PDB file of N, CA and C in Angstrom:
ATOM      1  N   UNK A   1     228.040  70.760 207.572  1.00  0.00           N
ATOM      2  CA  UNK A   1     228.083  70.983 206.150  1.00  0.00           C
ATOM      3  C   UNK A   1     227.651  69.734 205.388  1.00  0.00           C
ATOM      4  N   UNK A   2     228.192  68.595 205.774  1.00  0.00           N
ATOM      5  CA  UNK A   2     227.868  67.355 205.067  1.00  0.00           C
ATOM      6  C   UNK A   2     226.385  67.011 205.215  1.00  0.00           C
ATOM      7  N   UNK A   3     225.844  67.188 206.415  1.00  0.00           N
ATOM      8  CA  UNK A   3     224.431  66.868 206.642  1.00  0.00           C
ATOM      9  C   UNK A   3     223.526  67.757 205.785  1.00  0.00           C
ATOM     10  N   UNK A   4     223.833  69.043 205.717  1.00  0.00           N
ATOM     11  CA  UNK A   4     223.026  69.953 204.904  1.00  0.00           C
ATOM     12  C   UNK A   4     223.128  69.563 203.429  1.00  0.00           C
ATOM     13  N   UNK A   5     224.311  69.161 202.973  1.00  0.00           N
ATOM     14  CA  UNK A   5     224.457  68.702 201.588  1.00  0.00           C
ATOM     15  C   UNK A   5     223.618  67.458 201.320  1.00  0.00           C
ATOM     16  N   UNK A   6     223.620  66.525 202.255  1.00  0.00           N
ATOM     17  CA  UNK A   6     222.827  65.303 202.091  1.00  0.00           C
ATOM     18  C   UNK A   6     221.334  65.644 202.054  1.00  0.00           C
ATOM     19  N   UNK A   7     220.903  66.527 202.944  1.00  0.00           N
ATOM     20  CA  UNK A   7     219.499  66.953 202.956  1.00  0.00           C
ATOM     21  C   UNK A   7     219.150  67.647 201.634  1.00  0.00           C
ATOM     22  N   UNK A   8     220.074  68.437 201.097  1.00  0.00           N
ATOM     23  CA  UNK A   8     219.845  69.103 199.816  1.00  0.00           C
ATOM     24  C   UNK A   8     219.692  68.084 198.689  1.00  0.00           C
ATOM     25  N   UNK A   9     220.548  67.079 198.676  1.00  0.00           N
ATOM     26  CA  UNK A   9     220.460  66.041 197.641  1.00  0.00           C
ATOM     27  C   UNK A   9     219.111  65.318 197.719  1.00  0.00           C
ATOM     28  N   UNK A  10     218.711  64.963 198.919  1.00  0.00           N
ATOM     29  CA  UNK A  10     217.423  64.284 199.107  1.00  0.00           C
ATOM     30  C   UNK A  10     216.283  65.168 198.619  1.00  0.00           C
ATOM     31  N   UNK A  11     216.346  66.458 198.960  1.00  0.00           N
ATOM     32  CA  UNK A  11     215.290  67.377 198.534  1.00  0.00           C
ATOM     33  C   UNK A  11     215.289  67.593 197.026  1.00  0.00           C
ATOM     34  N   UNK A  12     216.451  67.596 196.412  1.00  0.00           N
ATOM     35  CA  UNK A  12     216.507  67.698 194.959  1.00  0.00           C
ATOM     36  C   UNK A  12     215.832  66.505 194.302  1.00  0.00           C
ATOM     37  N   UNK A  13     216.141  65.308 194.800  1.00  0.00           N
ATOM     38  CA  UNK A  13     215.512  64.090 194.291  1.00  0.00           C
ATOM     39  C   UNK A  13     214.001  64.153 194.470  1.00  0.00           C
ATOM     40  N   UNK A  14     213.564  64.530 195.681  1.00  0.00           N
ATOM     41  CA  UNK A  14     212.132  64.596 195.966  1.00  0.00           C
ATOM     42  C   UNK A  14     211.425  65.639 195.103  1.00  0.00           C
ATOM     43  N   UNK A  15     212.083  66.757 194.844  1.00  0.00           N
ATOM     44  CA  UNK A  15     211.478  67.791 193.993  1.00  0.00           C
ATOM     45  C   UNK A  15     211.181  67.249 192.609  1.00  0.00           C
ATOM     46  N   UNK A  16     212.149  66.553 192.042  1.00  0.00           N
ATOM     47  CA  UNK A  16     211.955  65.993 190.699  1.00  0.00           C
ATOM     48  C   UNK A  16     210.876  64.906 190.726  1.00  0.00           C
ATOM     49  N   UNK A  17     210.955  64.014 191.707  1.00  0.00           N
ATOM     50  CA  UNK A  17     209.981  62.918 191.795  1.00  0.00           C
ATOM     51  C   UNK A  17     208.570  63.445 192.020  1.00  0.00           C
ATOM     52  N   UNK A  18     208.419  64.405 192.931  1.00  0.00           N
ATOM     53  CA  UNK A  18     207.087  64.953 193.212  1.00  0.00           C
ATOM     54  C   UNK A  18     206.572  65.802 192.052  1.00  0.00           C
ATOM     55  N   UNK A  19     207.478  66.464 191.356  1.00  0.00           N
ATOM     56  CA  UNK A  19     207.068  67.210 190.174  1.00  0.00           C
ATOM     57  C   UNK A  19     206.535  66.280 189.094  1.00  0.00           C
ATOM     58  N   UNK A  20     207.235  65.177 188.874  1.00  0.00           N
ATOM     59  CA  UNK A  20     206.783  64.196 187.880  1.00  0.00           C
ATOM     60  C   UNK A  20     205.456  63.573 188.298  1.00  0.00           C
ATOM     61  N   UNK A  21     205.338  63.260 189.592  1.00  0.00           N
ATOM     62  CA  UNK A  21     204.087  62.694 190.080  1.00  0.00           C
ATOM     63  C   UNK A  21     202.930  63.665 189.868  1.00  0.00           C
ATOM     64  N   UNK A  22     203.167  64.944 190.162  1.00  0.00           N
ATOM     65  CA  UNK A  22     202.118  65.938 189.977  1.00  0.00           C
ATOM     66  C   UNK A  22     201.707  66.069 188.522  1.00  0.00           C
ATOM     67  N   UNK A  23     202.691  66.035 187.631  1.00  0.00           N
ATOM     68  CA  UNK A  23     202.405  66.207 186.205  1.00  0.00           C
ATOM     69  C   UNK A  23     201.707  64.992 185.598  1.00  0.00           C
ATOM     70  N   UNK A  24     202.058  63.805 186.085  1.00  0.00           N
ATOM     71  CA  UNK A  24     201.533  62.593 185.454  1.00  0.00           C
ATOM     72  C   UNK A  24     200.527  61.833 186.317  1.00  0.00           C
ATOM     73  N   UNK A  25     200.720  61.873 187.623  1.00  0.00           N
ATOM     74  CA  UNK A  25     199.857  61.090 188.504  1.00  0.00           C
ATOM     75  C   UNK A  25     198.622  61.814 188.992  1.00  0.00           C
ATOM     76  N   UNK A  26     198.681  63.136 189.015  1.00  0.00           N
ATOM     77  CA  UNK A  26     197.540  63.895 189.541  1.00  0.00           C
ATOM     78  C   UNK A  26     196.661  64.488 188.463  1.00  0.00           C
ATOM     79  N   UNK A  27     197.151  64.518 187.250  1.00  0.00           N
ATOM     80  CA  UNK A  27     196.378  65.104 186.160  1.00  0.00           C
ATOM     81  C   UNK A  27     195.038  64.377 186.014  1.00  0.00           C
ATOM     82  N   UNK A  28     193.974  65.169 186.038  1.00  0.00           N
ATOM     83  CA  UNK A  28     192.633  64.612 185.928  1.00  0.00           C
ATOM     84  C   UNK A  28     192.077  64.116 187.260  1.00  0.00           C
ATOM     85  N   UNK A  29     192.900  64.104 188.299  1.00  0.00           N
ATOM     86  CA  UNK A  29     192.446  63.629 189.612  1.00  0.00           C
ATOM     87  C   UNK A  29     192.241  64.767 190.608  1.00  0.00           C
ATOM     88  N   UNK A  30     192.884  65.895 190.336  1.00  0.00           N
ATOM     89  CA  UNK A  30     192.695  67.066 191.198  1.00  0.00           C
ATOM     90  C   UNK A  30     192.349  68.252 190.306  1.00  0.00           C
ATOM     91  N   UNK A  31     191.832  69.294 190.915  1.00  0.00           N
ATOM     92  CA  UNK A  31     191.432  70.488 190.167  1.00  0.00           C
ATOM     93  C   UNK A  31     192.653  71.193 189.583  1.00  0.00           C
ATOM     94  N   UNK A  32     192.386  72.110 188.675  1.00  0.00           N
ATOM     95  CA  UNK A  32     193.463  72.923 188.091  1.00  0.00           C
ATOM     96  C   UNK A  32     194.149  73.736 189.185  1.00  0.00           C
ATOM     97  N   UNK A  33     193.358  74.240 190.127  1.00  0.00           N
ATOM     98  CA  UNK A  33     193.926  74.984 191.259  1.00  0.00           C
ATOM     99  C   UNK A  33     194.841  74.078 192.084  1.00  0.00           C
ATOM    100  N   UNK A  34     194.423  72.846 192.303  1.00  0.00           N
ATOM    101  CA  UNK A  34     195.245  71.893 193.036  1.00  0.00           C
ATOM    102  C   UNK A  34     196.565  71.612 192.326  1.00  0.00           C
ATOM    103  N   UNK A  35     196.512  71.484 191.000  1.00  0.00           N
ATOM    104  CA  UNK A  35     197.740  71.270 190.228  1.00  0.00           C
ATOM    105  C   UNK A  35     198.662  72.479 190.308  1.00  0.00           C
ATOM    106  N   UNK A  36     198.075  73.686 190.297  1.00  0.00           N
ATOM    107  CA  UNK A  36     198.881  74.902 190.447  1.00  0.00           C
ATOM    108  C   UNK A  36     199.561  74.945 191.816  1.00  0.00           C
ATOM    109  N   UNK A  37     198.821  74.575 192.856  1.00  0.00           N
ATOM    110  CA  UNK A  37     199.391  74.561 194.201  1.00  0.00           C
ATOM    111  C   UNK A  37     200.508  73.521 194.302  1.00  0.00           C
ATOM    112  N   UNK A  38     200.278  72.362 193.697  1.00  0.00           N
ATOM    113  CA  UNK A  38     201.307  71.317 193.688  1.00  0.00           C
ATOM    114  C   UNK A  38     202.569  71.834 192.986  1.00  0.00           C
ATOM    115  N   UNK A  39     202.372  72.498 191.848  1.00  0.00           N
ATOM    116  CA  UNK A  39     203.501  73.055 191.106  1.00  0.00           C
ATOM    117  C   UNK A  39     204.251  74.105 191.906  1.00  0.00           C
ATOM    118  N   UNK A  40     203.509  74.928 192.651  1.00  0.00           N
ATOM    119  CA  UNK A  40     204.149  75.934 193.502  1.00  0.00           C
ATOM    120  C   UNK A  40     204.982  75.255 194.591  1.00  0.00           C
ATOM    121  N   UNK A  41     204.453  74.177 195.156  1.00  0.00           N
ATOM    122  CA  UNK A  41     205.199  73.429 196.180  1.00  0.00           C
ATOM    123  C   UNK A  41     206.508  72.882 195.603  1.00  0.00           C
ATOM    124  N   UNK A  42     206.439  72.320 194.405  1.00  0.00           N
ATOM    125  CA  UNK A  42     207.638  71.779 193.750  1.00  0.00           C
ATOM    126  C   UNK A  42     208.644  72.890 193.485  1.00  0.00           C
ATOM    127  N   UNK A  43     208.179  74.009 192.954  1.00  0.00           N
ATOM    128  CA  UNK A  43     209.087  75.121 192.642  1.00  0.00           C
ATOM    129  C   UNK A  43     209.794  75.640 193.886  1.00  0.00           C
ATOM    130  N   UNK A  44     209.031  75.882 194.938  1.00  0.00           N
ATOM    131  CA  UNK A  44     209.654  76.404 196.158  1.00  0.00           C
ATOM    132  C   UNK A  44     210.601  75.378 196.781  1.00  0.00           C
ATOM    133  N   UNK A  45     210.255  74.111 196.688  1.00  0.00           N
ATOM    134  CA  UNK A  45     211.151  73.088 197.216  1.00  0.00           C
ATOM    135  C   UNK A  45     212.463  73.093 196.434  1.00  0.00           C
ATOM    136  N   UNK A  46     212.382  73.157 195.110  1.00  0.00           N
ATOM    137  CA  UNK A  46     213.611  73.134 194.313  1.00  0.00           C
ATOM    138  C   UNK A  46     214.424  74.406 194.498  1.00  0.00           C
ATOM    139  N   UNK A  47     213.776  75.571 194.529  1.00  0.00           N
ATOM    140  CA  UNK A  47     214.513  76.822 194.750  1.00  0.00           C
ATOM    141  C   UNK A  47     215.287  76.755 196.066  1.00  0.00           C
ATOM    142  N   UNK A  48     214.637  76.250 197.095  1.00  0.00           N
ATOM    143  CA  UNK A  48     215.272  76.233 198.400  1.00  0.00           C
ATOM    144  C   UNK A  48     216.227  75.050 198.573  1.00  0.00           C
ATOM    145  N   UNK A  49     216.096  74.058 197.710  1.00  0.00           N
ATOM    146  CA  UNK A  49     217.122  73.016 197.639  1.00  0.00           C
ATOM    147  C   UNK A  49     218.427  73.646 197.158  1.00  0.00           C
ATOM    148  N   UNK A  50     218.328  74.522 196.169  1.00  0.00           N
ATOM    149  CA  UNK A  50     219.523  75.221 195.683  1.00  0.00           C
ATOM    150  C   UNK A  50     220.085  76.130 196.776  1.00  0.00           C
ATOM    151  N   UNK A  51     219.208  76.766 197.546  1.00  0.00           N
ATOM    152  CA  UNK A  51     219.666  77.593 198.663  1.00  0.00           C
ATOM    153  C   UNK A  51     220.403  76.737 199.687  1.00  0.00           C
ATOM    154  N   UNK A  52     219.938  75.505 199.904  1.00  0.00           N
ATOM    155  CA  UNK A  52     220.633  74.598 200.818  1.00  0.00           C
ATOM    156  C   UNK A  52     222.031  74.269 200.309  1.00  0.00           C
ATOM    157  N   UNK A  53     222.162  74.023 199.005  1.00  0.00           N
ATOM    158  CA  UNK A  53     223.489  73.752 198.435  1.00  0.00           C
ATOM    159  C   UNK A  53     224.428  74.938 198.642  1.00  0.00           C
ATOM    160  N   UNK A  54     223.945  76.132 198.331  1.00  0.00           N
ATOM    161  CA  UNK A  54     224.767  77.332 198.501  1.00  0.00           C
ATOM    162  C   UNK A  54     225.157  77.504 199.963  1.00  0.00           C
ATOM    163  N   UNK A  55     224.199  77.326 200.850  1.00  0.00           N
ATOM    164  CA  UNK A  55     224.463  77.457 202.282  1.00  0.00           C
ATOM    165  C   UNK A  55     225.519  76.454 202.731  1.00  0.00           C
ATOM    166  N   UNK A  56     225.381  75.202 202.317  1.00  0.00           N
ATOM    167  CA  UNK A  56     226.339  74.165 202.715  1.00  0.00           C
ATOM    168  C   UNK A  56     227.732  74.476 202.188  1.00  0.00           C
ATOM    169  N   UNK A  57     227.821  74.921 200.954  1.00  0.00           N
ATOM    170  CA  UNK A  57     229.126  75.247 200.377  1.00  0.00           C
ATOM    171  C   UNK A  57     229.751  76.436 201.099  1.00  0.00           C
ATOM    172  N   UNK A  58     228.935  77.445 201.407  1.00  0.00           N
ATOM    173  CA  UNK A  58     229.450  78.610 202.126  1.00  0.00           C
ATOM    174  C   UNK A  58     229.862  78.274 203.554  1.00  0.00           C
ATOM    175  N   UNK A  59     229.317  77.203 204.115  1.00  0.00           N
ATOM    176  CA  UNK A  59     229.711  76.800 205.470  1.00  0.00           C
ATOM    177  C   UNK A  59     231.206  76.501 205.537  1.00  0.00           C
ATOM    178  N   UNK A  60     231.795  76.085 204.412  1.00  0.00           N
ATOM    179  CA  UNK A  60     233.236  75.849 204.383  1.00  0.00           C
ATOM    180  C   UNK A  60     234.039  77.132 204.494  1.00  0.00           C
ATOM    181  N   UNK A  61     233.473  78.249 204.067  1.00  0.00           N
ATOM    182  CA  UNK A  61     234.141  79.553 204.113  1.00  0.00           C
ATOM    183  C   UNK A  61     233.730  80.372 205.336  1.00  0.00           C
ATOM    184  N   UNK A  62     232.456  80.296 205.652  1.00  0.00           N
ATOM    185  CA  UNK A  62     231.911  81.088 206.757  1.00  0.00           C
ATOM    186  C   UNK A  62     231.493  80.121 207.857  1.00  0.00           C
ATOM    187  N   UNK A  63     232.282  80.086 208.897  1.00  0.00           N
ATOM    188  CA  UNK A  63     231.984  79.137 209.968  1.00  0.00           C
ATOM    189  C   UNK A  63     231.335  79.874 211.131  1.00  0.00           C
ATOM    190  N   UNK A  64     230.008  79.921 211.036  1.00  0.00           N
ATOM    191  CA  UNK A  64     229.211  80.581 212.063  1.00  0.00           C
ATOM    192  C   UNK A  64     227.879  79.848 212.185  1.00  0.00           C
ATOM    193  N   UNK A  65     227.305  79.942 213.348  1.00  0.00           N
ATOM    194  CA  UNK A  65     226.001  79.331 213.569  1.00  0.00           C
ATOM    195  C   UNK A  65     224.914  79.938 212.695  1.00  0.00           C
ATOM    196  N   UNK A  66     225.153  81.148 212.188  1.00  0.00           N
ATOM    197  CA  UNK A  66     224.185  81.776 211.300  1.00  0.00           C
ATOM    198  C   UNK A  66     223.964  80.929 210.047  1.00  0.00           C
ATOM    199  N   UNK A  67     225.030  80.339 209.535  1.00  0.00           N
ATOM    200  CA  UNK A  67     224.921  79.513 208.332  1.00  0.00           C
ATOM    201  C   UNK A  67     224.130  78.246 208.633  1.00  0.00           C
ATOM    202  N   UNK A  68     224.422  77.632 209.752  1.00  0.00           N
ATOM    203  CA  UNK A  68     223.681  76.430 210.151  1.00  0.00           C
ATOM    204  C   UNK A  68     222.212  76.768 210.353  1.00  0.00           C
ATOM    205  N   UNK A  69     221.961  77.874 211.023  1.00  0.00           N
ATOM    206  CA  UNK A  69     220.583  78.310 211.237  1.00  0.00           C
ATOM    207  C   UNK A  69     219.861  78.554 209.921  1.00  0.00           C
ATOM    208  N   UNK A  70     220.537  79.197 208.972  1.00  0.00           N
ATOM    209  CA  UNK A  70     219.928  79.457 207.666  1.00  0.00           C
ATOM    210  C   UNK A  70     219.544  78.136 207.002  1.00  0.00           C
ATOM    211  N   UNK A  71     220.462  77.186 207.033  1.00  0.00           N
ATOM    212  CA  UNK A  71     220.183  75.880 206.421  1.00  0.00           C
ATOM    213  C   UNK A  71     218.968  75.207 207.026  1.00  0.00           C
ATOM    214  N   UNK A  72     218.887  75.205 208.344  1.00  0.00           N
ATOM    215  CA  UNK A  72     217.764  74.531 208.997  1.00  0.00           C
ATOM    216  C   UNK A  72     216.456  75.287 208.823  1.00  0.00           C
ATOM    217  N   UNK A  73     216.521  76.614 208.702  1.00  0.00           N
ATOM    218  CA  UNK A  73     215.289  77.352 208.403  1.00  0.00           C
ATOM    219  C   UNK A  73     214.814  77.054 206.985  1.00  0.00           C
ATOM    220  N   UNK A  74     215.751  76.863 206.046  1.00  0.00           N
ATOM    221  CA  UNK A  74     215.352  76.465 204.689  1.00  0.00           C
ATOM    222  C   UNK A  74     214.686  75.090 204.714  1.00  0.00           C
ATOM    223  N   UNK A  75     215.250  74.177 205.499  1.00  0.00           N
ATOM    224  CA  UNK A  75     214.654  72.833 205.616  1.00  0.00           C
ATOM    225  C   UNK A  75     213.254  72.935 206.220  1.00  0.00           C
ATOM    226  N   UNK A  76     213.120  73.710 207.291  1.00  0.00           N
ATOM    227  CA  UNK A  76     211.800  73.883 207.920  1.00  0.00           C
ATOM    228  C   UNK A  76     210.814  74.492 206.935  1.00  0.00           C
ATOM    229  N   UNK A  77     211.280  75.456 206.145  1.00  0.00           N
ATOM    230  CA  UNK A  77     210.418  76.071 205.150  1.00  0.00           C
ATOM    231  C   UNK A  77     209.939  75.084 204.108  1.00  0.00           C
ATOM    232  N   UNK A  78     210.842  74.217 203.662  1.00  0.00           N
ATOM    233  CA  UNK A  78     210.457  73.194 202.685  1.00  0.00           C
ATOM    234  C   UNK A  78     209.385  72.285 203.274  1.00  0.00           C
ATOM    235  N   UNK A  79     209.609  71.858 204.499  1.00  0.00           N
ATOM    236  CA  UNK A  79     208.651  70.942 205.135  1.00  0.00           C
ATOM    237  C   UNK A  79     207.302  71.632 205.339  1.00  0.00           C
ATOM    238  N   UNK A  80     207.332  72.840 205.884  1.00  0.00           N
ATOM    239  CA  UNK A  80     206.076  73.529 206.207  1.00  0.00           C
ATOM    240  C   UNK A  80     205.381  74.094 204.976  1.00  0.00           C
ATOM    241  N   UNK A  81     206.123  74.758 204.105  1.00  0.00           N
ATOM    242  CA  UNK A  81     205.510  75.385 202.929  1.00  0.00           C
ATOM    243  C   UNK A  81     205.139  74.332 201.888  1.00  0.00           C
ATOM    244  N   UNK A  82     206.159  73.661 201.366  1.00  0.00           N
ATOM    245  CA  UNK A  82     205.893  72.684 200.305  1.00  0.00           C
ATOM    246  C   UNK A  82     205.103  71.503 200.839  1.00  0.00           C
ATOM    247  N   UNK A  83     205.483  71.022 202.011  1.00  0.00           N
ATOM    248  CA  UNK A  83     204.786  69.865 202.579  1.00  0.00           C
ATOM    249  C   UNK A  83     203.310  70.119 202.779  1.00  0.00           C
ATOM    250  N   UNK A  84     202.966  71.298 203.297  1.00  0.00           N
ATOM    251  CA  UNK A  84     201.546  71.599 203.510  1.00  0.00           C
ATOM    252  C   UNK A  84     200.805  71.705 202.184  1.00  0.00           C
ATOM    253  N   UNK A  85     201.447  72.268 201.164  1.00  0.00           N
ATOM    254  CA  UNK A  85     200.792  72.351 199.852  1.00  0.00           C
ATOM    255  C   UNK A  85     200.665  70.978 199.198  1.00  0.00           C
ATOM    256  N   UNK A  86     201.648  70.099 199.414  1.00  0.00           N
ATOM    257  CA  UNK A  86     201.550  68.739 198.870  1.00  0.00           C
ATOM    258  C   UNK A  86     200.344  67.999 199.448  1.00  0.00           C
ATOM    259  N   UNK A  87     200.012  68.296 200.687  1.00  0.00           N
ATOM    260  CA  UNK A  87     198.854  67.652 201.304  1.00  0.00           C
ATOM    261  C   UNK A  87     197.565  68.385 200.929  1.00  0.00           C
ATOM    262  N   UNK A  88     197.625  69.725 200.935  1.00  0.00           N
ATOM    263  CA  UNK A  88     196.431  70.518 200.655  1.00  0.00           C
ATOM    264  C   UNK A  88     195.943  70.362 199.210  1.00  0.00           C
ATOM    265  N   UNK A  89     196.874  70.343 198.265  1.00  0.00           N
ATOM    266  CA  UNK A  89     196.489  70.320 196.842  1.00  0.00           C
ATOM    267  C   UNK A  89     195.539  69.167 196.508  1.00  0.00           C
ATOM    268  N   UNK A  90     195.832  67.930 196.892  1.00  0.00           N
ATOM    269  CA  UNK A  90     194.909  66.858 196.530  1.00  0.00           C
ATOM    270  C   UNK A  90     193.728  66.687 197.492  1.00  0.00           C
ATOM    271  N   UNK A  91     193.856  67.174 198.742  1.00  0.00           N
ATOM    272  CA  UNK A  91     192.788  66.926 199.716  1.00  0.00           C
ATOM    273  C   UNK A  91     191.841  68.108 199.887  1.00  0.00           C
ATOM    274  N   UNK A  92     192.352  69.333 199.723  1.00  0.00           N
ATOM    275  CA  UNK A  92     191.535  70.523 199.948  1.00  0.00           C
ATOM    276  C   UNK A  92     191.276  70.819 201.414  1.00  0.00           C
ATOM    277  N   UNK A  93     191.959  70.119 202.318  1.00  0.00           N
ATOM    278  CA  UNK A  93     191.780  70.359 203.759  1.00  0.00           C
ATOM    279  C   UNK A  93     192.461  71.678 204.118  1.00  0.00           C
ATOM    280  N   UNK A  94     191.657  72.664 204.491  1.00  0.00           N
ATOM    281  CA  UNK A  94     192.144  74.026 204.691  1.00  0.00           C
ATOM    282  C   UNK A  94     193.141  74.164 205.841  1.00  0.00           C
ATOM    283  N   UNK A  95     193.110  73.273 206.787  1.00  0.00           N
ATOM    284  CA  UNK A  95     194.062  73.325 207.897  1.00  0.00           C
ATOM    285  C   UNK A  95     195.499  73.323 207.371  1.00  0.00           C
ATOM    286  N   UNK A  96     195.734  72.537 206.328  1.00  0.00           N
ATOM    287  CA  UNK A  96     197.081  72.471 205.769  1.00  0.00           C
ATOM    288  C   UNK A  96     197.461  73.768 205.070  1.00  0.00           C
ATOM    289  N   UNK A  97     196.497  74.438 204.443  1.00  0.00           N
ATOM    290  CA  UNK A  97     196.770  75.716 203.785  1.00  0.00           C
ATOM    291  C   UNK A  97     197.167  76.773 204.810  1.00  0.00           C
ATOM    292  N   UNK A  98     196.672  76.651 206.046  1.00  0.00           N
ATOM    293  CA  UNK A  98     197.007  77.622 207.088  1.00  0.00           C
ATOM    294  C   UNK A  98     198.431  77.440 207.604  1.00  0.00           C
ATOM    295  N   UNK A  99     199.048  76.288 207.349  1.00  0.00           N
ATOM    296  CA  UNK A  99     200.432  76.036 207.759  1.00  0.00           C
ATOM    297  C   UNK A  99     201.413  76.669 206.779  1.00  0.00           C
ATOM    298  N   UNK A 100     201.009  76.800 205.537  1.00  0.00           N
ATOM    299  CA  UNK A 100     201.887  77.270 204.467  1.00  0.00           C
ATOM    300  C   UNK A 100     202.598  78.590 204.797  1.00  0.00           C
ATOM    301  N   UNK A 101     201.918  79.608 205.343  1.00  0.00           N
ATOM    302  CA  UNK A 101     202.625  80.858 205.651  1.00  0.00           C
ATOM    303  C   UNK A 101     203.761  80.691 206.660  1.00  0.00           C
ATOM    304  N   UNK A 102     203.645  79.720 207.558  1.00  0.00           N
ATOM    305  CA  UNK A 102     204.749  79.476 208.493  1.00  0.00           C
ATOM    306  C   UNK A 102     205.993  79.009 207.744  1.00  0.00           C
ATOM    307  N   UNK A 103     205.775  78.243 206.687  1.00  0.00           N
ATOM    308  CA  UNK A 103     206.893  77.831 205.846  1.00  0.00           C
ATOM    309  C   UNK A 103     207.496  79.024 205.123  1.00  0.00           C
ATOM    310  N   UNK A 104     206.643  79.919 204.639  1.00  0.00           N
ATOM    311  CA  UNK A 104     207.143  81.131 203.998  1.00  0.00           C
ATOM    312  C   UNK A 104     207.962  81.976 204.956  1.00  0.00           C
ATOM    313  N   UNK A 105     207.506  82.076 206.188  1.00  0.00           N
ATOM    314  CA  UNK A 105     208.252  82.809 207.214  1.00  0.00           C
ATOM    315  C   UNK A 105     209.601  82.139 207.475  1.00  0.00           C
ATOM    316  N   UNK A 106     209.616  80.823 207.509  1.00  0.00           N
ATOM    317  CA  UNK A 106     210.878  80.098 207.701  1.00  0.00           C
ATOM    318  C   UNK A 106     211.849  80.383 206.555  1.00  0.00           C
ATOM    319  N   UNK A 107     211.330  80.405 205.322  1.00  0.00           N
ATOM    320  CA  UNK A 107     212.185  80.755 204.180  1.00  0.00           C
ATOM    321  C   UNK A 107     212.781  82.154 204.363  1.00  0.00           C
ATOM    322  N   UNK A 108     211.937  83.108 204.746  1.00  0.00           N
ATOM    323  CA  UNK A 108     212.406  84.480 204.919  1.00  0.00           C
ATOM    324  C   UNK A 108     213.489  84.576 205.986  1.00  0.00           C
ATOM    325  N   UNK A 109     213.300  83.883 207.100  1.00  0.00           N
ATOM    326  CA  UNK A 109     214.309  83.896 208.164  1.00  0.00           C
ATOM    327  C   UNK A 109     215.600  83.269 207.660  1.00  0.00           C
ATOM    328  N   UNK A 110     215.493  82.177 206.916  1.00  0.00           N
ATOM    329  CA  UNK A 110     216.683  81.554 206.346  1.00  0.00           C
ATOM    330  C   UNK A 110     217.448  82.518 205.457  1.00  0.00           C
ATOM    331  N   UNK A 111     216.745  83.250 204.598  1.00  0.00           N
ATOM    332  CA  UNK A 111     217.403  84.213 203.713  1.00  0.00           C
ATOM    333  C   UNK A 111     218.037  85.353 204.502  1.00  0.00           C
ATOM    334  N   UNK A 112     217.360  85.812 205.553  1.00  0.00           N
ATOM    335  CA  UNK A 112     217.926  86.884 206.389  1.00  0.00           C
ATOM    336  C   UNK A 112     219.209  86.401 207.064  1.00  0.00           C
ATOM    337  N   UNK A 113     219.170  85.204 207.638  1.00  0.00           N
ATOM    338  CA  UNK A 113     220.370  84.672 208.298  1.00  0.00           C
ATOM    339  C   UNK A 113     221.507  84.476 207.306  1.00  0.00           C
ATOM    340  N   UNK A 114     221.200  83.956 206.138  1.00  0.00           N
ATOM    341  CA  UNK A 114     222.226  83.751 205.115  1.00  0.00           C
ATOM    342  C   UNK A 114     222.823  85.091 204.691  1.00  0.00           C
ATOM    343  N   UNK A 115     221.968  86.054 204.417  1.00  0.00           N
ATOM    344  CA  UNK A 115     222.458  87.374 204.017  1.00  0.00           C
ATOM    345  C   UNK A 115     223.292  88.034 205.095  1.00  0.00           C
ATOM    346  N   UNK A 116     222.834  87.959 206.327  1.00  0.00           N
ATOM    347  CA  UNK A 116     223.569  88.563 207.437  1.00  0.00           C
ATOM    348  C   UNK A 116     224.940  87.903 207.607  1.00  0.00           C
ATOM    349  N   UNK A 117     224.979  86.591 207.504  1.00  0.00           N
ATOM    350  CA  UNK A 117     226.252  85.877 207.628  1.00  0.00           C
ATOM    351  C   UNK A 117     227.222  86.291 206.528  1.00  0.00           C
ATOM    352  N   UNK A 118     226.713  86.421 205.315  1.00  0.00           N
ATOM    353  CA  UNK A 118     227.569  86.829 204.199  1.00  0.00           C
ATOM    354  C   UNK A 118     228.093  88.237 204.403  1.00  0.00           C
ATOM    355  N   UNK A 119     227.217  89.162 204.788  1.00  0.00           N
ATOM    356  CA  UNK A 119     227.625  90.552 204.998  1.00  0.00           C
ATOM    357  C   UNK A 119     228.631  90.651 206.141  1.00  0.00           C
ATOM    358  N   UNK A 120     228.382  89.922 207.206  1.00  0.00           N
ATOM    359  CA  UNK A 120     229.227  90.026 208.401  1.00  0.00           C
ATOM    360  C   UNK A 120     230.564  89.317 208.233  1.00  0.00           C
ATOM    361  N   UNK A 121     230.614  88.222 207.498  1.00  0.00           N
ATOM    362  CA  UNK A 121     231.820  87.379 207.503  1.00  0.00           C
ATOM    363  C   UNK A 121     232.585  87.314 206.185  1.00  0.00           C
ATOM    364  N   UNK A 122     232.072  87.896 205.118  1.00  0.00           N
ATOM    365  CA  UNK A 122     232.835  87.886 203.863  1.00  0.00           C
ATOM    366  C   UNK A 122     233.398  89.248 203.549  1.00  0.00           C
TER     367      UNK A 122
END
C-alpha cells in the first residue's frame, strides 16, 4: 500500500511537471499534433495517478493480490502509454507510437482487476 501511494505521489508530480513543460517548453518546437499527443499523455498519466491513489487506499480494506495487480498494471500503463507518447510527440519515431496500445491494454487490465476485487470483496 505504501509503495503504491509513493508511486502515485511521484506520478502526480511528474504529471504536473510534464504538463507544464509541454505547455511552455514545447510550444513552437513541435507540431500541433505533437502537442495534442503530449497533452493526451499528461491526461492519462494524471487520471491513472488518481486510480493508483484509490487502489492504494482500497488496499487497506481489500487485502487481495488483485488490488496489488491492479496497481502495478496502472503503473505499467502509465509507463507504456504515457511514456511512449512523451517520446513520440517530440520525435515522431513511429516505433514509440506502436507501444502506446500496450499501455492502453495495461490500463484496461488494471481497471478489470480493480473492479473484480471490489465486486468480490466489498
